[in-house]
Amino acid sequence: MVGYNPNQDHRLTYFDYAFAGALSGAVSRLLLQPLDVVKIRLQLQIEPVSKYSIGSKYHGFMHTIVTMSKEEGVKALWKGHLPAQFLTVFYGMVQFSSYEFFSKLTYHCVPSEFFSKNKPLISLVCGSMSGAVSTVVVQPIDLLRTRFVAQGEPKVYKSIFSAAARIVQQEGILGFWCGIGPSLVLVTPQTGLTFGFHTIFTSILRNDMKNHSTFSIENQIKTFISGLSSGMSAKLIVYPFDVVKKRLQVQDFKEARSKFGKVRSYNGMVSCLQGIFLEEGIRGLYKGLFPTMLKAGSVSGVTFMIYEMTCGFLSKWR
């Protein structure tokens, strides 16, 4: 059901797609926020993620969870959840509605035979465009979310409004789009690859989809597996840019990062890539990979599953 299909009875509007995208994003964010928090903490650590390294605050995935729970309370695993929820809801709205728009537009702009034979390529291109549009729209919310997750105790930012006011005062209005370059470099291909892989995996797992109800447990399991596989595959390819994006987003936030270890300043995306590689090695570009892969796959699986179920329900209801 994801993407335009000329053989389907299209009763849904772009508002329906936006609602389905928002709901799927909200559910996945609520369930999987701790994975994102752990991922960000590991990505921002300059020291090696190892218990054998002197000065390393976090030694791995489980150690990060235990340490945060002891020092900051279990609620810390949901730090930044409100701005993250705003991010996910708005991103889901823009992403899926724009993807459906670009998918339908592509169908009317290319030969129908090409459209039917090259669905993975179509999905990749449309997903990339929807990812770029969504990233620009939600970048300010993503920045706030990262800042809230990055700070420890005592808090520098007391609320979303105080954080926004402080960013404008200290960094200017463009401070909300700090890290937009690597964000676009990261999200655009990642979203395209996710939709492209999802089309491939779905065609393999659900080649007999016409014979099953949208709401069948079998189909939903297949949708989840397809989303899980596509999310993990896409994230693995673009992961180093995710680390760079997070580093750039917090480099003007040193006062809240000093207690976690070393802090660094970079002059841009290339400078950050070079700095991480020279100081931390190739492994530095993959810090936090395990929780990120786990999170990316789980979020993608849940998101696609809830999205399809919501679209199916809305289609029947209409």
Protein backbone atom coordinates (compact mmCIF):
# COMPACT_ATOMS: atom_id res chain seq x y z
CA MET A 1 0.00 0.00 0.00
CA VAL A 2 3.03 2.29 0.30
CA GLY A 3 3.38 4.29 -2.92
CA TYR A 4 1.08 4.83 -5.87
CA ASN A 5 -0.45 1.73 -7.41
CA PRO A 6 -2.67 2.30 -10.49
CA ASN A 7 -4.45 -1.02 -9.85
CA GLN A 8 -5.76 0.06 -6.45
CA ASP A 9 -8.96 1.93 -5.71
CA HIS A 10 -7.59 5.23 -4.41
CA ARG A 11 -9.97 6.63 -1.84
CA LEU A 12 -7.37 8.28 0.37
CA THR A 13 -6.36 11.94 0.32
CA TYR A 14 -2.95 13.41 1.13
CA PHE A 15 -4.38 14.37 4.54
CA ASP A 16 -5.07 10.67 5.13
CA TYR A 17 -1.50 9.78 4.21
CA ALA A 18 -0.23 12.55 6.49
CA PHE A 19 -2.35 11.26 9.38
CA ALA A 20 -1.19 7.68 8.83
CA GLY A 21 2.44 8.84 8.70
CA ALA A 22 2.04 10.88 11.89
CA LEU A 23 0.39 8.03 13.79
CA SER A 24 2.97 5.46 12.72
CA GLY A 25 5.78 7.79 13.71
CA ALA A 26 4.24 8.60 17.10
CA VAL A 27 3.81 4.93 18.03
CA SER A 28 7.33 3.94 16.98
CA ARG A 29 8.86 6.92 18.80
CA LEU A 30 7.05 6.18 22.07
CA LEU A 31 8.15 2.55 22.06
CA LEU A 32 11.72 2.99 20.86
CA GLN A 33 12.92 6.36 22.22
CA PRO A 34 15.47 4.78 24.65
CA LEU A 35 17.39 3.27 21.71
CA ASP A 36 17.72 6.72 20.18
CA VAL A 37 18.94 8.28 23.44
CA VAL A 38 21.61 5.59 23.90
CA LYS A 39 22.67 5.93 20.28
CA ILE A 40 23.18 9.69 20.59
CA ARG A 41 25.14 9.39 23.85
CA LEU A 42 27.53 6.89 22.23
CA GLN A 43 27.89 8.93 19.04
CA LEU A 44 28.86 12.07 20.95
CA GLN A 45 31.54 10.38 23.07
CA ILE A 46 35.03 11.29 21.83
CA GLU A 47 36.77 8.55 23.87
CA PRO A 48 36.61 4.92 22.62
CA VAL A 49 33.46 2.99 23.49
CA SER A 50 35.32 0.38 25.50
CA LYS A 51 35.70 -0.58 29.17
CA TYR A 52 39.45 -0.85 28.63
CA SER A 53 39.79 2.82 27.68
CA ILE A 54 40.69 5.29 30.46
CA GLY A 55 38.29 8.20 30.60
CA SER A 56 35.46 6.56 28.65
CA LYS A 57 32.15 7.24 30.37
CA TYR A 58 30.15 4.72 28.35
CA HIS A 59 31.53 1.27 27.52
CA GLY A 60 28.76 -0.11 25.34
CA PHE A 61 25.04 -0.42 24.74
CA MET A 62 23.96 -2.05 28.02
CA HIS A 63 26.52 -0.12 30.07
CA THR A 64 25.08 3.14 28.76
CA ILE A 65 21.56 2.13 29.77
CA VAL A 66 22.68 1.07 33.27
CA THR A 67 24.84 4.18 33.79
CA MET A 68 22.13 6.58 32.68
CA SER A 69 19.54 4.85 34.83
CA LYS A 70 21.77 5.05 37.92
CA GLU A 71 22.98 8.62 37.46
CA GLU A 72 19.94 10.29 35.90
CA GLY A 73 17.04 7.94 36.56
CA VAL A 74 15.13 5.64 34.21
CA LYS A 75 13.23 8.64 32.85
CA ALA A 76 16.51 9.82 31.31
CA LEU A 77 16.07 7.12 28.66
CA TRP A 78 13.16 9.20 27.39
CA LYS A 79 15.08 12.49 27.52
CA GLY A 80 14.02 14.86 24.78
CA HIS A 81 10.92 12.76 24.13
CA LEU A 82 8.59 15.73 23.62
CA PRO A 83 10.66 17.44 20.89
CA ALA A 84 11.44 13.97 19.50
CA GLN A 85 7.72 13.21 19.32
CA PHE A 86 7.08 16.52 17.56
CA LEU A 87 9.93 15.65 15.19
CA THR A 88 8.60 12.20 14.43
CA VAL A 89 4.98 13.27 14.00
CA PHE A 90 5.80 16.16 11.66
CA TYR A 91 8.44 14.13 9.83
CA GLY A 92 6.00 11.25 9.33
CA MET A 93 3.33 13.64 8.06
CA VAL A 94 5.63 15.30 5.55
CA GLN A 95 7.54 12.17 4.57
CA PHE A 96 4.65 9.88 3.70
CA SER A 97 2.36 12.52 2.17
CA SER A 98 5.20 13.86 0.00
CA TYR A 99 6.28 10.32 -0.90
CA GLU A 100 2.76 9.46 -2.06
CA PHE A 101 2.67 12.76 -3.99
CA PHE A 102 6.02 12.15 -5.73
CA SER A 103 5.06 8.52 -6.41
CA LYS A 104 1.81 9.52 -8.11
CA LEU A 105 3.52 12.36 -9.99
CA THR A 106 6.19 9.97 -11.27
CA TYR A 107 3.54 7.54 -12.50
CA HIS A 108 1.99 10.29 -14.65
CA CYS A 109 5.39 11.51 -15.90
CA VAL A 110 7.03 8.26 -17.02
CA PRO A 111 5.81 5.42 -19.28
CA SER A 112 3.60 2.98 -17.36
CA GLU A 113 5.78 0.04 -18.44
CA PHE A 114 8.89 1.72 -16.99
CA PHE A 115 6.98 2.48 -13.76
CA SER A 116 5.86 -1.12 -13.28
CA LYS A 117 9.26 -2.68 -14.12
CA ASN A 118 11.40 -0.30 -12.06
CA LYS A 119 9.46 0.10 -8.82
CA PRO A 120 12.54 -0.17 -6.55
CA LEU A 121 14.26 2.63 -8.50
CA ILE A 122 11.08 4.74 -8.46
CA SER A 123 10.78 4.17 -4.71
CA LEU A 124 14.41 5.17 -4.16
CA VAL A 125 14.05 8.44 -6.10
CA CYS A 126 10.69 9.38 -4.57
CA GLY A 127 11.91 8.41 -1.10
CA SER A 128 15.02 10.58 -1.53
CA MET A 129 12.95 13.60 -2.53
CA SER A 130 10.50 13.12 0.34
CA GLY A 131 13.43 12.71 2.74
CA ALA A 132 15.00 15.99 1.60
CA VAL A 133 11.73 17.92 1.97
CA SER A 134 11.04 16.41 5.39
CA THR A 135 14.56 17.11 6.67
CA VAL A 136 14.42 20.83 5.88
CA VAL A 137 11.00 21.15 7.53
CA VAL A 138 11.83 19.35 10.78
CA GLN A 139 15.53 20.26 11.23
CA PRO A 140 14.83 22.82 14.02
CA ILE A 141 12.93 20.18 16.02
CA ASP A 142 15.70 17.65 15.44
CA LEU A 143 18.26 20.13 16.74
CA LEU A 144 16.24 20.74 19.93
CA ARG A 145 15.82 17.00 20.45
CA THR A 146 19.56 16.38 20.13
CA ARG A 147 20.42 19.20 22.53
CA PHE A 148 17.99 17.87 25.17
CA VAL A 149 19.34 14.33 24.86
CA ALA A 150 22.96 15.54 24.94
CA GLN A 151 22.73 17.51 28.21
CA GLY A 152 23.24 15.91 31.59
CA GLU A 153 22.57 17.27 35.08
CA PRO A 154 22.12 20.09 35.94
CA LYS A 155 20.17 20.94 32.83
CA VAL A 156 21.20 23.89 30.67
CA TYR A 157 17.85 23.96 28.86
CA LYS A 158 14.84 23.95 31.20
CA SER A 159 12.13 23.85 28.53
CA ILE A 160 11.61 23.88 24.77
CA PHE A 161 10.79 27.59 24.81
CA SER A 162 13.84 28.55 26.87
CA ALA A 163 16.01 26.41 24.60
CA ALA A 164 14.61 28.07 21.48
CA ALA A 165 15.12 31.56 22.95
CA ARG A 166 18.69 30.75 23.96
CA ILE A 167 19.58 29.36 20.54
CA VAL A 168 18.23 32.48 18.81
CA GLN A 169 20.13 34.72 21.23
CA GLN A 170 23.46 32.89 21.04
CA GLU A 171 23.49 31.42 17.52
CA GLY A 172 20.90 33.37 15.55
CA ILE A 173 17.84 32.05 13.74
CA LEU A 174 20.04 29.97 11.42
CA GLY A 175 21.26 28.11 14.50
CA PHE A 176 18.12 25.97 14.21
CA TRP A 177 19.50 24.60 10.94
CA CYS A 178 22.94 23.79 12.33
CA GLY A 179 24.08 20.53 10.76
CA ILE A 180 21.58 20.75 7.87
CA GLY A 181 24.31 19.81 5.37
CA PRO A 182 25.16 16.39 6.83
CA SER A 183 21.48 15.95 7.70
CA LEU A 184 20.57 16.18 4.02
CA VAL A 185 23.54 14.04 3.02
CA LEU A 186 22.41 11.48 5.58
CA VAL A 187 18.63 11.50 5.37
CA THR A 188 18.12 11.96 1.62
CA PRO A 189 19.86 8.73 0.53
CA GLN A 190 18.82 6.89 3.70
CA THR A 191 15.13 7.58 3.11
CA GLY A 192 15.47 6.71 -0.55
CA LEU A 193 17.29 3.48 0.24
CA THR A 194 14.75 2.59 2.93
CA PHE A 195 11.82 2.91 0.52
CA GLY A 196 13.79 1.20 -2.25
CA PHE A 197 14.78 -1.75 -0.07
CA HIS A 198 11.24 -1.91 1.32
CA THR A 199 9.85 -2.29 -2.20
CA ILE A 200 12.33 -5.09 -2.93
CA PHE A 201 11.76 -6.97 0.32
CA THR A 202 7.99 -6.52 0.08
CA SER A 203 7.93 -7.95 -3.44
CA ILE A 204 9.88 -10.98 -2.18
CA LEU A 205 7.90 -11.57 1.00
CA ARG A 206 4.45 -10.60 -0.23
CA ASN A 207 4.36 -11.77 -3.83
CA ASP A 208 0.94 -13.25 -3.11
CA MET A 209 -0.33 -10.09 -1.40
CA LYS A 210 -3.51 -9.91 -3.51
CA ASN A 211 -4.72 -13.12 -1.92
CA HIS A 212 -4.54 -11.77 1.62
CA SER A 213 -6.34 -9.11 3.58
CA THR A 214 -4.42 -5.94 4.49
CA PHE A 215 -5.26 -6.63 8.12
CA SER A 216 -4.10 -10.27 8.17
CA ILE A 217 -1.48 -11.10 10.80
CA GLU A 218 0.64 -12.82 8.16
CA ASN A 219 0.79 -9.72 5.98
CA GLN A 220 1.58 -7.45 8.93
CA ILE A 221 4.43 -9.70 10.05
CA LYS A 222 5.81 -9.64 6.52
CA THR A 223 5.47 -5.85 6.43
CA PHE A 224 7.33 -5.55 9.73
CA ILE A 225 10.15 -7.85 8.55
CA SER A 226 10.39 -5.93 5.28
CA GLY A 227 10.54 -2.61 7.11
CA LEU A 228 13.05 -3.97 9.63
CA SER A 229 15.37 -5.23 6.89
CA SER A 230 15.10 -2.08 4.78
CA GLY A 231 15.73 0.24 7.74
CA MET A 232 18.84 -1.65 8.88
CA SER A 233 20.25 -1.95 5.36
CA ALA A 234 19.82 1.76 4.62
CA LYS A 235 21.24 2.90 7.98
CA LEU A 236 24.34 0.73 7.66
CA ILE A 237 25.23 2.40 4.35
CA VAL A 238 24.92 6.02 5.54
CA TYR A 239 25.81 5.63 9.23
CA PRO A 240 29.03 7.74 9.39
CA PHE A 241 27.06 10.83 8.33
CA ASP A 242 24.71 10.28 11.28
CA VAL A 243 27.66 10.53 13.67
CA VAL A 244 28.90 13.69 11.92
CA LYS A 245 25.46 15.29 12.09
CA LYS A 246 25.18 14.71 15.84
CA ARG A 247 28.69 16.05 16.49
CA LEU A 248 27.97 19.25 14.56
CA GLN A 249 24.62 19.77 16.27
CA VAL A 250 26.18 19.93 19.75
CA GLN A 251 29.51 21.65 19.11
CA ASP A 252 28.08 25.01 20.31
CA PHE A 253 26.76 23.25 23.40
CA LYS A 254 30.07 22.58 25.19
CA GLU A 255 28.90 23.71 28.63
CA ALA A 256 26.58 20.71 28.86
CA ARG A 257 29.01 18.24 27.29
CA SER A 258 32.19 18.78 29.32
CA LYS A 259 31.20 16.34 32.08
CA PHE A 260 30.87 13.53 29.53
CA GLY A 261 34.50 13.75 28.40
CA LYS A 262 36.41 15.56 25.66
CA VAL A 263 34.75 18.15 23.44
CA ARG A 264 35.78 19.17 19.94
CA SER A 265 35.00 21.93 17.44
CA TYR A 266 34.75 21.31 13.71
CA ASN A 267 34.62 23.67 10.73
CA GLY A 268 32.07 21.65 8.79
CA MET A 269 31.12 18.20 7.58
CA VAL A 270 34.45 17.38 5.89
CA SER A 271 36.42 18.72 8.86
CA CYS A 272 34.32 16.60 11.21
CA LEU A 273 34.82 13.45 9.13
CA GLN A 274 38.57 14.01 9.01
CA GLY A 275 38.79 14.87 12.70
CA ILE A 276 36.90 11.77 13.82
CA PHE A 277 38.88 9.51 11.49
CA LEU A 278 42.29 10.89 12.51
CA GLU A 279 41.61 10.99 16.27
CA GLU A 280 39.28 8.03 16.76
CA GLY A 281 39.96 5.86 13.73
CA ILE A 282 37.45 4.22 11.41
CA ARG A 283 35.62 2.78 14.43
CA GLY A 284 34.89 6.33 15.55
CA LEU A 285 32.63 6.77 12.53
CA TYR A 286 30.58 3.78 13.68
CA LYS A 287 30.18 4.58 17.38
CA GLY A 288 26.74 3.61 18.59
CA LEU A 289 26.20 1.37 15.57
CA PHE A 290 24.46 -1.48 17.43
CA PRO A 291 21.69 0.58 19.08
CA THR A 292 21.37 2.62 15.89
CA MET A 293 20.88 -0.46 13.72
CA LEU A 294 18.48 -1.91 16.27
CA LYS A 295 16.58 1.36 16.45
CA ALA A 296 16.55 2.02 12.69
CA GLY A 297 15.28 -1.45 11.89
CA SER A 298 12.66 -1.49 14.65
CA VAL A 299 11.40 2.00 13.85
CA SER A 300 11.19 1.22 10.14
CA GLY A 301 9.37 -2.05 10.77
CA VAL A 302 6.84 -0.56 13.20
CA THR A 303 6.36 2.57 11.07
CA PHE A 304 5.59 0.72 7.84
CA MET A 305 3.33 -1.74 9.65
CA ILE A 306 1.28 0.94 11.44
CA TYR A 307 1.19 3.09 8.29
CA GLU A 308 -0.23 0.30 6.16
CA MET A 309 -2.74 -0.71 8.82
CA THR A 310 -3.91 2.90 9.21
CA CYS A 311 -4.21 3.41 5.46
CA GLY A 312 -6.14 0.15 5.16
CA PHE A 313 -8.49 1.16 7.95
CA LEU A 314 -9.04 4.65 6.48
CA SER A 315 -9.65 3.18 3.03
CA LYS A 316 -12.29 0.80 4.38
CA TRP A 317 -13.85 3.52 6.51
CA ARG A 318 -14.16 5.85 3.54
